[in-house]
Amino acid sequence: MTTALLIDGRPAGIRLGVADRWHQRARGLLGVRRLDDPAGLWITPCNSVHMLGMRMALDVAFVDRSGHILKLVPHLKPWRFAACMRAHATVELRAGLVQELGLRPDQRLTLA
């Protein structure tokens, strides 16, 4: 399933996959070579990510239950980890999108 990303209620112009089942969350973006459309993955529930086996860097946003950004990790490289214990969901994005979209903590990310 893919859906549109909203930033503070406005369309961001990108689509995300959604991983809300155990097997989807476990697989994540492993094996994905390019992130064009969809440009990332919304993983819920999730408060940490690993980049084991990944071939590309990702931008990561950790959000609370209402979608407010708690923490941003731009260009998380393969074989690294990131976590935010207060997060309810993790948004994995194509590397560079955090900067392109001007994302910052306290903005609200939601799905349309």
PDB file of N, CA and C in Angstrom:
ATOM      1  N   MET A   1       0.845  -1.181   0.000  1.00  0.00           N
ATOM      2  CA  MET A   1       0.000   0.000   0.000  1.00  0.00           C
ATOM      3  C   MET A   1       0.891   1.244   0.000  1.00  0.00           C
ATOM      4  N   THR A   2       0.555   2.210  -0.830  1.00  0.00           N
ATOM      5  CA  THR A   2       1.254   3.491  -0.824  1.00  0.00           C
ATOM      6  C   THR A   2       0.240   4.608  -0.610  1.00  0.00           C
ATOM      7  N   THR A   3       0.732   5.695  -0.044  1.00  0.00           N
ATOM      8  CA  THR A   3      -0.141   6.817   0.266  1.00  0.00           C
ATOM      9  C   THR A   3       0.672   8.108   0.248  1.00  0.00           C
ATOM     10  N   ALA A   4      -0.010   9.233   0.159  1.00  0.00           N
ATOM     11  CA  ALA A   4       0.653  10.535   0.085  1.00  0.00           C
ATOM     12  C   ALA A   4       1.084  11.016   1.466  1.00  0.00           C
ATOM     13  N   LEU A   5       2.239  11.658   1.521  1.00  0.00           N
ATOM     14  CA  LEU A   5       2.738  12.248   2.754  1.00  0.00           C
ATOM     15  C   LEU A   5       2.258  13.687   2.852  1.00  0.00           C
ATOM     16  N   LEU A   6       1.774  14.058   4.040  1.00  0.00           N
ATOM     17  CA  LEU A   6       1.381  15.441   4.323  1.00  0.00           C
ATOM     18  C   LEU A   6       2.328  15.997   5.377  1.00  0.00           C
ATOM     19  N   ILE A   7       2.745  17.250   5.187  1.00  0.00           N
ATOM     20  CA  ILE A   7       3.564  17.950   6.169  1.00  0.00           C
ATOM     21  C   ILE A   7       2.735  19.104   6.693  1.00  0.00           C
ATOM     22  N   ASP A   8       2.439  19.090   7.981  1.00  0.00           N
ATOM     23  CA  ASP A   8       1.562  20.090   8.591  1.00  0.00           C
ATOM     24  C   ASP A   8       0.265  20.252   7.796  1.00  0.00           C
ATOM     25  N   GLY A   9      -0.273  19.115   7.320  1.00  0.00           N
ATOM     26  CA  GLY A   9      -1.554  19.098   6.613  1.00  0.00           C
ATOM     27  C   GLY A   9      -1.483  19.425   5.140  1.00  0.00           C
ATOM     28  N   ARG A  10      -0.301  19.758   4.616  1.00  0.00           N
ATOM     29  CA  ARG A  10      -0.148  20.103   3.196  1.00  0.00           C
ATOM     30  C   ARG A  10       0.555  18.976   2.444  1.00  0.00           C
ATOM     31  N   PRO A  11       0.124  18.691   1.220  1.00  0.00           N
ATOM     32  CA  PRO A  11       0.770  17.629   0.440  1.00  0.00           C
ATOM     33  C   PRO A  11       2.255  17.916   0.229  1.00  0.00           C
ATOM     34  N   ALA A  12       3.079  16.893   0.441  1.00  0.00           N
ATOM     35  CA  ALA A  12       4.524  17.034   0.268  1.00  0.00           C
ATOM     36  C   ALA A  12       4.968  16.694  -1.149  1.00  0.00           C
ATOM     37  N   GLY A  13       4.061  16.118  -1.932  1.00  0.00           N
ATOM     38  CA  GLY A  13       4.394  15.755  -3.302  1.00  0.00           C
ATOM     39  C   GLY A  13       5.146  14.441  -3.423  1.00  0.00           C
ATOM     40  N   ILE A  14       5.128  13.641  -2.366  1.00  0.00           N
ATOM     41  CA  ILE A  14       5.760  12.325  -2.433  1.00  0.00           C
ATOM     42  C   ILE A  14       4.813  11.285  -1.850  1.00  0.00           C
ATOM     43  N   ARG A  15       5.058  10.047  -2.247  1.00  0.00           N
ATOM     44  CA  ARG A  15       4.263   8.936  -1.735  1.00  0.00           C
ATOM     45  C   ARG A  15       5.160   8.009  -0.929  1.00  0.00           C
ATOM     46  N   LEU A  16       4.566   7.388   0.074  1.00  0.00           N
ATOM     47  CA  LEU A  16       5.278   6.455   0.940  1.00  0.00           C
ATOM     48  C   LEU A  16       4.572   5.115   0.963  1.00  0.00           C
ATOM     49  N   GLY A  17       5.351   4.069   1.117  1.00  0.00           N
ATOM     50  CA  GLY A  17       4.781   2.777   1.431  1.00  0.00           C
ATOM     51  C   GLY A  17       4.458   2.757   2.917  1.00  0.00           C
ATOM     52  N   VAL A  18       3.615   1.836   3.331  1.00  0.00           N
ATOM     53  CA  VAL A  18       3.252   1.704   4.742  1.00  0.00           C
ATOM     54  C   VAL A  18       3.552   0.281   5.188  1.00  0.00           C
ATOM     55  N   ALA A  19       4.289   0.168   6.298  1.00  0.00           N
ATOM     56  CA  ALA A  19       4.585  -1.137   6.897  1.00  0.00           C
ATOM     57  C   ALA A  19       3.981  -1.145   8.293  1.00  0.00           C
ATOM     58  N   ASP A  20       2.821  -1.780   8.409  1.00  0.00           N
ATOM     59  CA  ASP A  20       2.140  -1.805   9.700  1.00  0.00           C
ATOM     60  C   ASP A  20       1.854  -3.231  10.171  1.00  0.00           C
ATOM     61  N   ARG A  21       2.444  -4.198   9.498  1.00  0.00           N
ATOM     62  CA  ARG A  21       2.336  -5.597   9.901  1.00  0.00           C
ATOM     63  C   ARG A  21       3.736  -6.124  10.187  1.00  0.00           C
ATOM     64  N   TRP A  22       3.821  -7.131  11.039  1.00  0.00           N
ATOM     65  CA  TRP A  22       5.117  -7.616  11.483  1.00  0.00           C
ATOM     66  C   TRP A  22       6.048  -7.940  10.327  1.00  0.00           C
ATOM     67  N   HIS A  23       5.574  -8.706   9.349  1.00  0.00           N
ATOM     68  CA  HIS A  23       6.448  -9.121   8.249  1.00  0.00           C
ATOM     69  C   HIS A  23       6.863  -7.935   7.384  1.00  0.00           C
ATOM     70  N   GLN A  24       6.000  -6.927   7.238  1.00  0.00           N
ATOM     71  CA  GLN A  24       6.359  -5.723   6.479  1.00  0.00           C
ATOM     72  C   GLN A  24       7.426  -4.924   7.222  1.00  0.00           C
ATOM     73  N   ARG A  25       7.250  -4.793   8.536  1.00  0.00           N
ATOM     74  CA  ARG A  25       8.221  -4.050   9.347  1.00  0.00           C
ATOM     75  C   ARG A  25       9.566  -4.763   9.357  1.00  0.00           C
ATOM     76  N   ALA A  26       9.561  -6.088   9.440  1.00  0.00           N
ATOM     77  CA  ALA A  26      10.810  -6.852   9.478  1.00  0.00           C
ATOM     78  C   ALA A  26      11.593  -6.702   8.175  1.00  0.00           C
ATOM     79  N   ARG A  27      10.894  -6.673   7.054  1.00  0.00           N
ATOM     80  CA  ARG A  27      11.564  -6.533   5.755  1.00  0.00           C
ATOM     81  C   ARG A  27      11.978  -5.095   5.496  1.00  0.00           C
ATOM     82  N   GLY A  28      11.114  -4.152   5.856  1.00  0.00           N
ATOM     83  CA  GLY A  28      11.433  -2.740   5.635  1.00  0.00           C
ATOM     84  C   GLY A  28      11.789  -2.457   4.188  1.00  0.00           C
ATOM     85  N   LEU A  29      12.906  -1.798   3.985  1.00  0.00           N
ATOM     86  CA  LEU A  29      13.359  -1.450   2.637  1.00  0.00           C
ATOM     87  C   LEU A  29      14.511  -2.339   2.161  1.00  0.00           C
ATOM     88  N   LEU A  30      14.743  -3.470   2.846  1.00  0.00           N
ATOM     89  CA  LEU A  30      15.792  -4.384   2.403  1.00  0.00           C
ATOM     90  C   LEU A  30      15.526  -4.831   0.976  1.00  0.00           C
ATOM     91  N   GLY A  31      16.543  -4.808   0.156  1.00  0.00           N
ATOM     92  CA  GLY A  31      16.415  -5.240  -1.227  1.00  0.00           C
ATOM     93  C   GLY A  31      15.970  -4.146  -2.180  1.00  0.00           C
ATOM     94  N   VAL A  32      15.545  -3.005  -1.650  1.00  0.00           N
ATOM     95  CA  VAL A  32      15.139  -1.892  -2.514  1.00  0.00           C
ATOM     96  C   VAL A  32      16.390  -1.199  -3.025  1.00  0.00           C
ATOM     97  N   ARG A  33      16.474  -1.010  -4.328  1.00  0.00           N
ATOM     98  CA  ARG A  33      17.654  -0.382  -4.922  1.00  0.00           C
ATOM     99  C   ARG A  33      17.490   1.117  -5.128  1.00  0.00           C
ATOM    100  N   ARG A  34      16.250   1.570  -5.353  1.00  0.00           N
ATOM    101  CA  ARG A  34      15.996   2.996  -5.596  1.00  0.00           C
ATOM    102  C   ARG A  34      14.709   3.397  -4.902  1.00  0.00           C
ATOM    103  N   LEU A  35      14.677   4.639  -4.445  1.00  0.00           N
ATOM    104  CA  LEU A  35      13.476   5.181  -3.815  1.00  0.00           C
ATOM    105  C   LEU A  35      13.003   6.391  -4.612  1.00  0.00           C
ATOM    106  N   ASP A  36      12.267   6.127  -5.658  1.00  0.00           N
ATOM    107  CA  ASP A  36      11.699   7.199  -6.458  1.00  0.00           C
ATOM    108  C   ASP A  36      10.222   7.355  -6.117  1.00  0.00           C
ATOM    109  N   ASP A  37       9.448   6.335  -6.404  1.00  0.00           N
ATOM    110  CA  ASP A  37       8.033   6.340  -6.075  1.00  0.00           C
ATOM    111  C   ASP A  37       7.642   4.912  -5.720  1.00  0.00           C
ATOM    112  N   PRO A  38       7.436   4.591  -4.490  1.00  0.00           N
ATOM    113  CA  PRO A  38       7.386   5.508  -3.353  1.00  0.00           C
ATOM    114  C   PRO A  38       8.785   5.987  -2.955  1.00  0.00           C
ATOM    115  N   ALA A  39       8.828   7.123  -2.271  1.00  0.00           N
ATOM    116  CA  ALA A  39      10.088   7.746  -1.872  1.00  0.00           C
ATOM    117  C   ALA A  39      10.501   7.344  -0.467  1.00  0.00           C
ATOM    118  N   GLY A  40       9.803   6.383   0.124  1.00  0.00           N
ATOM    119  CA  GLY A  40      10.158   5.945   1.462  1.00  0.00           C
ATOM    120  C   GLY A  40       9.116   5.012   2.040  1.00  0.00           C
ATOM    121  N   LEU A  41       9.217   4.812   3.362  1.00  0.00           N
ATOM    122  CA  LEU A  41       8.363   3.857   4.051  1.00  0.00           C
ATOM    123  C   LEU A  41       8.006   4.382   5.436  1.00  0.00           C
ATOM    124  N   TRP A  42       6.710   4.351   5.753  1.00  0.00           N
ATOM    125  CA  TRP A  42       6.206   4.716   7.084  1.00  0.00           C
ATOM    126  C   TRP A  42       6.056   3.406   7.846  1.00  0.00           C
ATOM    127  N   ILE A  43       6.816   3.252   8.944  1.00  0.00           N
ATOM    128  CA  ILE A  43       6.828   2.006   9.702  1.00  0.00           C
ATOM    129  C   ILE A  43       6.196   2.255  11.072  1.00  0.00           C
ATOM    130  N   THR A  44       5.136   1.507  11.372  1.00  0.00           N
ATOM    131  CA  THR A  44       4.449   1.698  12.643  1.00  0.00           C
ATOM    132  C   THR A  44       3.955   0.368  13.190  1.00  0.00           C
ATOM    133  N   PRO A  45       4.079   0.084  14.476  1.00  0.00           N
ATOM    134  CA  PRO A  45       4.849   0.855  15.450  1.00  0.00           C
ATOM    135  C   PRO A  45       6.335   0.592  15.248  1.00  0.00           C
ATOM    136  N   CYS A  46       7.159   1.592  15.539  1.00  0.00           N
ATOM    137  CA  CYS A  46       8.603   1.456  15.355  1.00  0.00           C
ATOM    138  C   CYS A  46       9.308   2.635  16.020  1.00  0.00           C
ATOM    139  N   ASN A  47      10.294   2.345  16.863  1.00  0.00           N
ATOM    140  CA  ASN A  47      11.058   3.431  17.475  1.00  0.00           C
ATOM    141  C   ASN A  47      12.560   3.284  17.257  1.00  0.00           C
ATOM    142  N   SER A  48      12.959   2.319  16.409  1.00  0.00           N
ATOM    143  CA  SER A  48      14.375   2.179  16.074  1.00  0.00           C
ATOM    144  C   SER A  48      14.502   1.511  14.712  1.00  0.00           C
ATOM    145  N   VAL A  49      15.608   1.806  14.045  1.00  0.00           N
ATOM    146  CA  VAL A  49      15.864   1.199  12.739  1.00  0.00           C
ATOM    147  C   VAL A  49      17.310   0.745  12.680  1.00  0.00           C
ATOM    148  N   HIS A  50      17.542  -0.256  11.863  1.00  0.00           N
ATOM    149  CA  HIS A  50      18.916  -0.683  11.581  1.00  0.00           C
ATOM    150  C   HIS A  50      19.102  -0.653  10.078  1.00  0.00           C
ATOM    151  N   MET A  51      20.327  -0.476   9.692  1.00  0.00           N
ATOM    152  CA  MET A  51      20.654  -0.408   8.269  1.00  0.00           C
ATOM    153  C   MET A  51      21.486  -1.618   7.845  1.00  0.00           C
ATOM    154  N   LEU A  52      21.356  -2.714   8.588  1.00  0.00           N
ATOM    155  CA  LEU A  52      22.096  -3.924   8.269  1.00  0.00           C
ATOM    156  C   LEU A  52      21.631  -4.467   6.923  1.00  0.00           C
ATOM    157  N   GLY A  53      22.568  -4.673   6.021  1.00  0.00           N
ATOM    158  CA  GLY A  53      22.242  -5.208   4.712  1.00  0.00           C
ATOM    159  C   GLY A  53      21.748  -4.191   3.708  1.00  0.00           C
ATOM    160  N   MET A  54      21.608  -2.944   4.120  1.00  0.00           N
ATOM    161  CA  MET A  54      21.127  -1.904   3.190  1.00  0.00           C
ATOM    162  C   MET A  54      22.244  -1.507   2.234  1.00  0.00           C
ATOM    163  N   ARG A  55      21.845  -1.052   1.049  1.00  0.00           N
ATOM    164  CA  ARG A  55      22.814  -0.663   0.022  1.00  0.00           C
ATOM    165  C   ARG A  55      22.921   0.843  -0.144  1.00  0.00           C
ATOM    166  N   MET A  56      22.036   1.583   0.538  1.00  0.00           N
ATOM    167  CA  MET A  56      22.019   3.037   0.364  1.00  0.00           C
ATOM    168  C   MET A  56      21.718   3.702   1.696  1.00  0.00           C
ATOM    169  N   ALA A  57      22.130   4.955   1.806  1.00  0.00           N
ATOM    170  CA  ALA A  57      21.797   5.739   2.996  1.00  0.00           C
ATOM    171  C   ALA A  57      20.332   6.159   2.930  1.00  0.00           C
ATOM    172  N   LEU A  58      19.754   6.437   4.092  1.00  0.00           N
ATOM    173  CA  LEU A  58      18.376   6.917   4.192  1.00  0.00           C
ATOM    174  C   LEU A  58      18.312   8.109   5.131  1.00  0.00           C
ATOM    175  N   ASP A  59      17.320   8.958   4.942  1.00  0.00           N
ATOM    176  CA  ASP A  59      16.954   9.956   5.935  1.00  0.00           C
ATOM    177  C   ASP A  59      15.869   9.328   6.795  1.00  0.00           C
ATOM    178  N   VAL A  60      15.934   9.547   8.099  1.00  0.00           N
ATOM    179  CA  VAL A  60      14.976   8.928   9.013  1.00  0.00           C
ATOM    180  C   VAL A  60      14.332   9.998   9.886  1.00  0.00           C
ATOM    181  N   ALA A  61      13.012   9.941   9.990  1.00  0.00           N
ATOM    182  CA  ALA A  61      12.263  10.820  10.897  1.00  0.00           C
ATOM    183  C   ALA A  61      11.530   9.935  11.893  1.00  0.00           C
ATOM    184  N   PHE A  62      11.718  10.224  13.171  1.00  0.00           N
ATOM    185  CA  PHE A  62      10.987   9.534  14.229  1.00  0.00           C
ATOM    186  C   PHE A  62       9.843  10.437  14.660  1.00  0.00           C
ATOM    187  N   VAL A  63       8.619   9.886  14.695  1.00  0.00           N
ATOM    188  CA  VAL A  63       7.440  10.684  15.028  1.00  0.00           C
ATOM    189  C   VAL A  63       6.669  10.068  16.184  1.00  0.00           C
ATOM    190  N   ASP A  64       5.929  10.924  16.912  1.00  0.00           N
ATOM    191  CA  ASP A  64       5.090  10.434  18.012  1.00  0.00           C
ATOM    192  C   ASP A  64       3.751   9.968  17.459  1.00  0.00           C
ATOM    193  N   ARG A  65       2.824   9.588  18.344  1.00  0.00           N
ATOM    194  CA  ARG A  65       1.522   9.056  17.908  1.00  0.00           C
ATOM    195  C   ARG A  65       0.724  10.035  17.055  1.00  0.00           C
ATOM    196  N   SER A  66       0.918  11.321  17.268  1.00  0.00           N
ATOM    197  CA  SER A  66       0.173  12.309  16.472  1.00  0.00           C
ATOM    198  C   SER A  66       0.926  12.740  15.218  1.00  0.00           C
ATOM    199  N   GLY A  67       2.124  12.187  15.001  1.00  0.00           N
ATOM    200  CA  GLY A  67       2.884  12.489  13.798  1.00  0.00           C
ATOM    201  C   GLY A  67       3.906  13.602  13.941  1.00  0.00           C
ATOM    202  N   HIS A  68       4.022  14.188  15.124  1.00  0.00           N
ATOM    203  CA  HIS A  68       5.006  15.258  15.315  1.00  0.00           C
ATOM    204  C   HIS A  68       6.425  14.684  15.302  1.00  0.00           C
ATOM    205  N   ILE A  69       7.285  15.335  14.552  1.00  0.00           N
ATOM    206  CA  ILE A  69       8.666  14.882  14.437  1.00  0.00           C
ATOM    207  C   ILE A  69       9.384  15.095  15.765  1.00  0.00           C
ATOM    208  N   LEU A  70       9.944  14.014  16.276  1.00  0.00           N
ATOM    209  CA  LEU A  70      10.710  14.061  17.517  1.00  0.00           C
ATOM    210  C   LEU A  70      12.207  14.165  17.243  1.00  0.00           C
ATOM    211  N   LYS A  71      12.642  13.478  16.173  1.00  0.00           N
ATOM    212  CA  LYS A  71      14.072  13.401  15.875  1.00  0.00           C
ATOM    213  C   LYS A  71      14.260  13.139  14.390  1.00  0.00           C
ATOM    214  N   LEU A  72      15.272  13.779  13.807  1.00  0.00           N
ATOM    215  CA  LEU A  72      15.632  13.563  12.407  1.00  0.00           C
ATOM    216  C   LEU A  72      17.061  13.041  12.338  1.00  0.00           C
ATOM    217  N   VAL A  73      17.262  12.045  11.482  1.00  0.00           N
ATOM    218  CA  VAL A  73      18.601  11.492  11.261  1.00  0.00           C
ATOM    219  C   VAL A  73      18.845  11.493   9.753  1.00  0.00           C
ATOM    220  N   PRO A  74      19.466  12.547   9.236  1.00  0.00           N
ATOM    221  CA  PRO A  74      19.730  12.586   7.793  1.00  0.00           C
ATOM    222  C   PRO A  74      20.917  11.690   7.416  1.00  0.00           C
ATOM    223  N   HIS A  75      20.825  11.092   6.243  1.00  0.00           N
ATOM    224  CA  HIS A  75      21.906  10.282   5.661  1.00  0.00           C
ATOM    225  C   HIS A  75      22.424   9.200   6.601  1.00  0.00           C
ATOM    226  N   LEU A  76      21.506   8.419   7.161  1.00  0.00           N
ATOM    227  CA  LEU A  76      21.900   7.272   7.970  1.00  0.00           C
ATOM    228  C   LEU A  76      22.503   6.231   7.026  1.00  0.00           C
ATOM    229  N   LYS A  77      23.751   5.905   7.247  1.00  0.00           N
ATOM    230  CA  LYS A  77      24.497   5.043   6.338  1.00  0.00           C
ATOM    231  C   LYS A  77      24.237   3.566   6.616  1.00  0.00           C
ATOM    232  N   PRO A  78      24.485   2.729   5.586  1.00  0.00           N
ATOM    233  CA  PRO A  78      24.362   1.287   5.796  1.00  0.00           C
ATOM    234  C   PRO A  78      25.221   0.819   6.972  1.00  0.00           C
ATOM    235  N   TRP A  79      24.705  -0.206   7.666  1.00  0.00           N
ATOM    236  CA  TRP A  79      25.357  -0.845   8.801  1.00  0.00           C
ATOM    237  C   TRP A  79      25.365   0.031  10.054  1.00  0.00           C
ATOM    238  N   ARG A  80      24.456   1.018  10.126  1.00  0.00           N
ATOM    239  CA  ARG A  80      24.331   1.876  11.302  1.00  0.00           C
ATOM    240  C   ARG A  80      22.955   1.637  11.936  1.00  0.00           C
ATOM    241  N   PHE A  81      22.754   2.200  13.124  1.00  0.00           N
ATOM    242  CA  PHE A  81      21.497   2.105  13.865  1.00  0.00           C
ATOM    243  C   PHE A  81      21.056   3.505  14.267  1.00  0.00           C
ATOM    244  N   ALA A  82      19.764   3.675  14.482  1.00  0.00           N
ATOM    245  CA  ALA A  82      19.230   4.925  15.036  1.00  0.00           C
ATOM    246  C   ALA A  82      17.976   4.580  15.826  1.00  0.00           C
ATOM    247  N   ALA A  83      17.731   5.358  16.890  1.00  0.00           N
ATOM    248  CA  ALA A  83      16.563   5.092  17.729  1.00  0.00           C
ATOM    249  C   ALA A  83      16.084   6.380  18.382  1.00  0.00           C
ATOM    250  N   CYS A  84      14.811   6.359  18.755  1.00  0.00           N
ATOM    251  CA  CYS A  84      14.193   7.425  19.545  1.00  0.00           C
ATOM    252  C   CYS A  84      13.129   6.732  20.388  1.00  0.00           C
ATOM    253  N   MET A  85      13.429   6.539  21.649  1.00  0.00           N
ATOM    254  CA  MET A  85      12.571   5.722  22.502  1.00  0.00           C
ATOM    255  C   MET A  85      11.154   6.276  22.648  1.00  0.00           C
ATOM    256  N   ARG A  86      10.946   7.577  22.460  1.00  0.00           N
ATOM    257  CA  ARG A  86       9.603   8.160  22.577  1.00  0.00           C
ATOM    258  C   ARG A  86       8.794   8.041  21.287  1.00  0.00           C
ATOM    259  N   ALA A  87       9.407   7.585  20.207  1.00  0.00           N
ATOM    260  CA  ALA A  87       8.730   7.532  18.909  1.00  0.00           C
ATOM    261  C   ALA A  87       7.708   6.402  18.846  1.00  0.00           C
ATOM    262  N   HIS A  88       6.660   6.643  18.091  1.00  0.00           N
ATOM    263  CA  HIS A  88       5.657   5.614  17.811  1.00  0.00           C
ATOM    264  C   HIS A  88       5.848   5.055  16.403  1.00  0.00           C
ATOM    265  N   ALA A  89       6.357   5.872  15.499  1.00  0.00           N
ATOM    266  CA  ALA A  89       6.551   5.447  14.116  1.00  0.00           C
ATOM    267  C   ALA A  89       7.861   6.028  13.593  1.00  0.00           C
ATOM    268  N   THR A  90       8.359   5.391  12.548  1.00  0.00           N
ATOM    269  CA  THR A  90       9.573   5.832  11.883  1.00  0.00           C
ATOM    270  C   THR A  90       9.258   6.019  10.412  1.00  0.00           C
ATOM    271  N   VAL A  91       9.745   7.125   9.859  1.00  0.00           N
ATOM    272  CA  VAL A  91       9.555   7.400   8.439  1.00  0.00           C
ATOM    273  C   VAL A  91      10.930   7.342   7.788  1.00  0.00           C
ATOM    274  N   GLU A  92      11.136   6.330   6.945  1.00  0.00           N
ATOM    275  CA  GLU A  92      12.388   6.199   6.210  1.00  0.00           C
ATOM    276  C   GLU A  92      12.196   6.842   4.845  1.00  0.00           C
ATOM    277  N   LEU A  93      13.098   7.760   4.510  1.00  0.00           N
ATOM    278  CA  LEU A  93      12.985   8.534   3.276  1.00  0.00           C
ATOM    279  C   LEU A  93      14.239   8.410   2.430  1.00  0.00           C
ATOM    280  N   ARG A  94      14.080   8.643   1.146  1.00  0.00           N
ATOM    281  CA  ARG A  94      15.234   8.714   0.257  1.00  0.00           C
ATOM    282  C   ARG A  94      16.225   9.732   0.824  1.00  0.00           C
ATOM    283  N   ALA A  95      17.505   9.397   0.834  1.00  0.00           N
ATOM    284  CA  ALA A  95      18.532  10.297   1.374  1.00  0.00           C
ATOM    285  C   ALA A  95      18.442  11.662   0.683  1.00  0.00           C
ATOM    286  N   GLY A  96      18.456  12.713   1.471  1.00  0.00           N
ATOM    287  CA  GLY A  96      18.374  14.077   0.964  1.00  0.00           C
ATOM    288  C   GLY A  96      17.003  14.700   1.079  1.00  0.00           C
ATOM    289  N   LEU A  97      15.960  13.887   1.305  1.00  0.00           N
ATOM    290  CA  LEU A  97      14.599  14.427   1.366  1.00  0.00           C
ATOM    291  C   LEU A  97      14.342  15.278   2.604  1.00  0.00           C
ATOM    292  N   VAL A  98      14.992  14.978   3.721  1.00  0.00           N
ATOM    293  CA  VAL A  98      14.803  15.810   4.913  1.00  0.00           C
ATOM    294  C   VAL A  98      15.157  17.256   4.584  1.00  0.00           C
ATOM    295  N   GLN A  99      16.282  17.434   3.908  1.00  0.00           N
ATOM    296  CA  GLN A  99      16.695  18.790   3.530  1.00  0.00           C
ATOM    297  C   GLN A  99      15.802  19.354   2.430  1.00  0.00           C
ATOM    298  N   GLU A 100      15.513  18.568   1.402  1.00  0.00           N
ATOM    299  CA  GLU A 100      14.668  19.037   0.294  1.00  0.00           C
ATOM    300  C   GLU A 100      13.294  19.492   0.771  1.00  0.00           C
ATOM    301  N   LEU A 101      12.719  18.758   1.716  1.00  0.00           N
ATOM    302  CA  LEU A 101      11.385  19.077   2.217  1.00  0.00           C
ATOM    303  C   LEU A 101      11.420  20.103   3.348  1.00  0.00           C
ATOM    304  N   GLY A 102      12.623  20.430   3.824  1.00  0.00           N
ATOM    305  CA  GLY A 102      12.755  21.394   4.916  1.00  0.00           C
ATOM    306  C   GLY A 102      12.192  20.882   6.232  1.00  0.00           C
ATOM    307  N   LEU A 103      12.300  19.575   6.454  1.00  0.00           N
ATOM    308  CA  LEU A 103      11.738  19.000   7.680  1.00  0.00           C
ATOM    309  C   LEU A 103      12.514  19.461   8.905  1.00  0.00           C
ATOM    310  N   ARG A 104      11.774  19.649  10.006  1.00  0.00           N
ATOM    311  CA  ARG A 104      12.379  20.047  11.285  1.00  0.00           C
ATOM    312  C   ARG A 104      11.524  19.488  12.416  1.00  0.00           C
ATOM    313  N   PRO A 105      12.123  19.341  13.594  1.00  0.00           N
ATOM    314  CA  PRO A 105      11.350  18.839  14.736  1.00  0.00           C
ATOM    315  C   PRO A 105      10.111  19.696  14.990  1.00  0.00           C
ATOM    316  N   ASP A 106       9.082  19.049  15.478  1.00  0.00           N
ATOM    317  CA  ASP A 106       7.768  19.634  15.809  1.00  0.00           C
ATOM    318  C   ASP A 106       6.837  19.791  14.612  1.00  0.00           C
ATOM    319  N   GLN A 107       7.336  19.636  13.384  1.00  0.00           N
ATOM    320  CA  GLN A 107       6.401  19.588  12.264  1.00  0.00           C
ATOM    321  C   GLN A 107       5.609  18.293  12.388  1.00  0.00           C
ATOM    322  N   ARG A 108       4.445  18.276  11.758  1.00  0.00           N
ATOM    323  CA  ARG A 108       3.576  17.094  11.852  1.00  0.00           C
ATOM    324  C   ARG A 108       3.514  16.379  10.520  1.00  0.00           C
ATOM    325  N   LEU A 109       3.879  15.106  10.514  1.00  0.00           N
ATOM    326  CA  LEU A 109       3.781  14.265   9.329  1.00  0.00           C
ATOM    327  C   LEU A 109       2.570  13.364   9.471  1.00  0.00           C
ATOM    328  N   THR A 110       1.772  13.301   8.432  1.00  0.00           N
ATOM    329  CA  THR A 110       0.615  12.415   8.410  1.00  0.00           C
ATOM    330  C   THR A 110       0.508  11.813   7.014  1.00  0.00           C
ATOM    331  N   LEU A 111      -0.367  10.834   6.890  1.00  0.00           N
ATOM    332  CA  LEU A 111      -0.616  10.184   5.610  1.00  0.00           C
ATOM    333  C   LEU A 111      -2.010  10.517   5.129  1.00  0.00           C
ATOM    334  N   ALA A 112      -2.142  10.752   3.840  1.00  0.00           N
ATOM    335  CA  ALA A 112      -3.455  11.088   3.268  1.00  0.00           C
ATOM    336  C   ALA A 112      -4.209   9.831   2.890  1.00  0.00           C
TER     337      ALA A 112
END
